[in-house]
Amino acid sequence: MSKKKTEDAIPETEQAACEAEMKDMEAAEAASGEPAAAEPAADSALDALQKQYDDLNDRFMRMAAEYDNFRKRSQREREGVHADAVSHAVKALLPTFDNLERALAVETEDAEYKKGVELTHKQLLDALRSLNVTKIEDDPGTAFDPNLHNAVMHVEDEGFGENEIAEVFQHGFMIDDRVIRHSMVKVAN
């Protein structure tokens, strides 16, 4: 159907109303600088883009936090592996320390032999100190601490106070604040 026939088919009052509406839209468009009919569409498109931006930003922030947590967890694990390796190596050396302690406790007439054992004992203690390994305080008269000491015997002795170490059977060691081996002790009273 041609354009002229379509216009003829529309009654004149409806055609006048449409033309008036078109003139109003053109006037609104000229005043705002944007098409009047496009405003609702632009708002919905802007809202959709804002929602998409918020979603992507949220995903990015979550991914960044997850990566940061992963990095921190990996660092802690690396430090833990090093501490575990040192702890394992020290545990393997502790029987040697115990044997040197026993050798020092035995009386001998050979002064050179005793001096050699003392030097070896000192050298082992220096090597342990270089690894941040310290001997747990467990001298007789020291207060018993169940976090550091393992009580294997109990004795009533008036020479010691309540819960004091009376005798040490095996020295304990720790790396920083972590116990490698508890001291094996006899506790008084």
Protein backbone atom coordinates (compact mmCIF):
# COMPACT_ATOMS: atom_id res chain seq x y z
CA MET A 1 0.00 0.00 0.00
CA SER A 2 1.43 3.37 -0.88
CA LYS A 3 2.12 6.10 1.59
CA LYS A 4 -0.55 8.38 0.19
CA LYS A 5 -3.22 5.70 0.49
CA THR A 6 -2.21 5.05 4.14
CA GLU A 7 -2.51 8.72 4.98
CA ASP A 8 -5.91 8.84 3.30
CA ALA A 9 -7.08 5.85 5.31
CA ILE A 10 -6.32 7.61 8.64
CA PRO A 11 -9.06 10.01 9.65
CA GLU A 12 -7.98 13.65 9.75
CA THR A 13 -8.49 14.08 13.51
CA GLU A 14 -6.18 11.18 14.32
CA GLN A 15 -3.65 12.47 11.84
CA ALA A 16 -3.71 15.89 13.46
CA ALA A 17 -3.28 14.35 16.91
CA CYS A 18 -0.24 12.36 15.72
CA GLU A 19 1.31 15.44 14.12
CA ALA A 20 0.79 17.43 17.33
CA GLU A 21 2.42 14.65 19.35
CA MET A 22 5.39 14.60 16.95
CA LYS A 23 5.81 18.36 17.30
CA ASP A 24 5.79 18.06 21.12
CA MET A 25 8.48 15.35 20.99
CA GLU A 26 10.60 17.45 18.62
CA ALA A 27 10.28 20.43 20.95
CA ALA A 28 11.33 18.31 23.97
CA GLU A 29 14.21 16.88 21.99
CA ALA A 30 15.39 20.37 20.96
CA ALA A 31 15.22 21.59 24.58
CA SER A 32 17.19 18.68 26.11
CA GLY A 33 19.55 17.96 23.26
CA GLU A 34 18.65 14.24 23.34
CA PRO A 35 15.77 12.34 21.84
CA ALA A 36 12.83 12.30 24.29
CA ALA A 37 11.88 8.69 23.58
CA ALA A 38 15.46 7.52 24.11
CA GLU A 39 15.66 8.60 27.79
CA PRO A 40 13.92 5.55 29.30
CA ALA A 41 15.93 3.26 27.04
CA ALA A 42 19.17 5.02 27.99
CA ASP A 43 18.37 4.72 31.71
CA SER A 44 17.68 1.01 31.44
CA ALA A 45 20.87 0.48 29.39
CA LEU A 46 22.86 2.49 31.96
CA ASP A 47 21.37 0.43 34.79
CA ALA A 48 22.26 -2.78 32.96
CA LEU A 49 25.84 -1.59 32.41
CA GLN A 50 26.13 -0.50 36.06
CA LYS A 51 24.88 -3.91 37.20
CA GLN A 52 27.35 -5.66 34.89
CA TYR A 53 30.17 -3.42 36.19
CA ASP A 54 29.24 -4.14 39.82
CA ASP A 55 29.15 -7.88 39.10
CA LEU A 56 32.57 -7.84 37.40
CA ASN A 57 34.05 -5.63 40.12
CA ASP A 58 32.73 -8.00 42.81
CA ARG A 59 34.21 -11.00 41.00
CA PHE A 60 37.53 -9.18 40.62
CA MET A 61 37.65 -8.23 44.32
CA ARG A 62 36.86 -11.81 45.36
CA MET A 63 39.55 -13.17 43.04
CA ALA A 64 42.10 -10.66 44.38
CA ALA A 65 41.26 -11.63 47.99
CA GLU A 66 41.48 -15.32 47.10
CA TYR A 67 44.90 -14.81 45.52
CA ASP A 68 46.11 -12.85 48.55
CA ASN A 69 44.95 -15.65 50.87
CA PHE A 70 46.68 -18.22 48.65
CA ARG A 71 49.92 -16.22 48.72
CA LYS A 72 49.84 -15.91 52.53
CA ARG A 73 48.98 -19.61 52.97
CA SER A 74 51.84 -20.61 50.64
CA GLN A 75 54.28 -18.43 52.61
CA ARG A 76 53.19 -20.04 55.91
CA GLU A 77 53.54 -23.51 54.39
CA ARG A 78 57.06 -22.74 53.13
CA GLU A 79 58.07 -21.50 56.58
CA GLY A 80 56.45 -24.55 58.16
CA VAL A 81 58.30 -26.92 55.83
CA HIS A 82 61.62 -25.33 56.79
CA ALA A 83 60.83 -25.58 60.51
CA ASP A 84 59.73 -29.19 60.07
CA ALA A 85 62.94 -30.07 58.20
CA VAL A 86 65.11 -28.48 60.90
CA SER A 87 63.07 -30.21 63.59
CA HIS A 88 63.48 -33.58 61.87
CA ALA A 89 67.24 -33.11 61.50
CA VAL A 90 67.62 -32.06 65.14
CA LYS A 91 65.60 -35.07 66.33
CA ALA A 92 68.06 -37.29 64.47
CA LEU A 93 70.99 -35.62 66.31
CA LEU A 94 69.50 -35.75 69.82
CA PRO A 95 70.55 -39.36 70.55
CA THR A 96 74.13 -38.28 69.82
CA PHE A 97 73.72 -35.43 72.31
CA ASP A 98 72.37 -37.88 74.91
CA ASN A 99 75.33 -40.23 74.40
CA LEU A 100 77.79 -37.35 74.79
CA GLU A 101 76.01 -36.34 78.03
CA ARG A 102 76.38 -39.91 79.33
CA ALA A 103 80.04 -39.99 78.32
CA LEU A 104 80.67 -36.77 80.23
CA ALA A 105 78.97 -38.19 83.34
CA VAL A 106 81.33 -41.20 83.46
CA GLU A 107 84.55 -40.70 85.40
CA THR A 108 87.70 -41.38 83.41
CA GLU A 109 91.39 -41.13 84.15
CA ASP A 110 92.24 -40.15 80.56
CA ALA A 111 92.12 -36.34 80.57
CA GLU A 112 92.57 -36.08 76.79
CA TYR A 113 89.64 -38.41 76.16
CA LYS A 114 87.43 -36.35 78.49
CA LYS A 115 88.57 -33.12 76.83
CA GLY A 116 87.74 -34.54 73.37
CA VAL A 117 84.23 -35.53 74.50
CA GLU A 118 83.70 -32.07 76.05
CA LEU A 119 84.80 -30.34 72.84
CA THR A 120 82.53 -32.56 70.73
CA HIS A 121 79.64 -31.86 73.12
CA LYS A 122 80.30 -28.10 72.93
CA GLN A 123 80.54 -28.23 69.13
CA LEU A 124 77.18 -30.03 68.89
CA LEU A 125 75.54 -27.44 71.21
CA ASP A 126 76.96 -24.61 69.08
CA ALA A 127 75.60 -26.23 65.91
CA LEU A 128 72.18 -26.57 67.54
CA ARG A 129 72.26 -22.91 68.66
CA SER A 130 73.03 -21.85 65.08
CA LEU A 131 69.74 -23.52 64.08
CA ASN A 132 67.85 -21.56 66.83
CA VAL A 133 67.56 -24.73 68.89
CA THR A 134 67.67 -24.09 72.63
CA LYS A 135 67.83 -26.47 75.56
CA ILE A 136 64.73 -26.37 77.77
CA GLU A 137 65.41 -25.06 81.28
CA ASP A 138 65.19 -28.22 83.35
CA ASP A 139 67.83 -27.97 86.06
CA PRO A 140 66.95 -29.46 89.46
CA GLY A 141 64.97 -26.92 91.48
CA THR A 142 63.27 -25.46 88.39
CA ALA A 143 59.47 -25.27 88.47
CA PHE A 144 57.76 -28.11 86.59
CA ASP A 145 55.92 -26.98 83.42
CA PRO A 146 53.80 -29.69 81.74
CA ASN A 147 54.15 -27.86 78.41
CA LEU A 148 57.94 -28.32 78.50
CA HIS A 149 58.59 -31.24 80.82
CA ASN A 150 57.46 -34.85 80.87
CA ALA A 151 57.21 -36.14 84.45
CA VAL A 152 58.09 -39.84 84.51
CA MET A 153 58.60 -40.12 88.28
CA HIS A 154 57.33 -38.48 91.43
CA VAL A 155 59.24 -38.33 94.71
CA GLU A 156 58.57 -36.86 98.15
CA ASP A 157 61.62 -34.79 99.08
CA GLU A 158 61.74 -31.97 101.64
CA GLY A 159 64.79 -30.49 99.88
CA PHE A 160 62.57 -29.33 97.01
CA GLY A 161 59.43 -27.20 96.88
CA GLU A 162 56.03 -28.10 95.45
CA ASN A 163 56.19 -29.25 91.78
CA GLU A 164 59.93 -28.67 91.38
CA ILE A 165 62.18 -30.78 89.20
CA ALA A 166 64.29 -33.11 91.34
CA GLU A 167 66.24 -34.93 88.63
CA VAL A 168 66.65 -34.78 84.85
CA PHE A 169 66.78 -38.04 82.88
CA GLN A 170 66.79 -36.55 79.37
CA HIS A 171 67.11 -32.91 78.32
CA GLY A 172 64.46 -31.34 76.15
CA PHE A 173 64.91 -28.98 73.23
CA MET A 174 62.84 -26.42 71.37
CA ILE A 175 63.06 -24.33 68.22
CA ASP A 176 61.81 -20.82 68.92
CA ASP A 177 58.51 -21.53 70.78
CA ARG A 178 58.00 -25.04 69.42
CA VAL A 179 59.03 -28.04 71.54
CA ILE A 180 61.04 -30.67 69.67
CA ARG A 181 61.46 -33.00 72.63
CA HIS A 182 60.12 -32.60 76.16
CA SER A 183 62.52 -32.92 79.08
CA MET A 184 62.11 -36.23 80.91
CA VAL A 185 62.21 -35.40 84.62
CA LYS A 186 61.49 -36.58 88.16
CA VAL A 187 59.18 -34.19 90.02
CA ALA A 188 59.28 -33.60 93.77
CA ASN A 189 56.30 -33.22 96.14
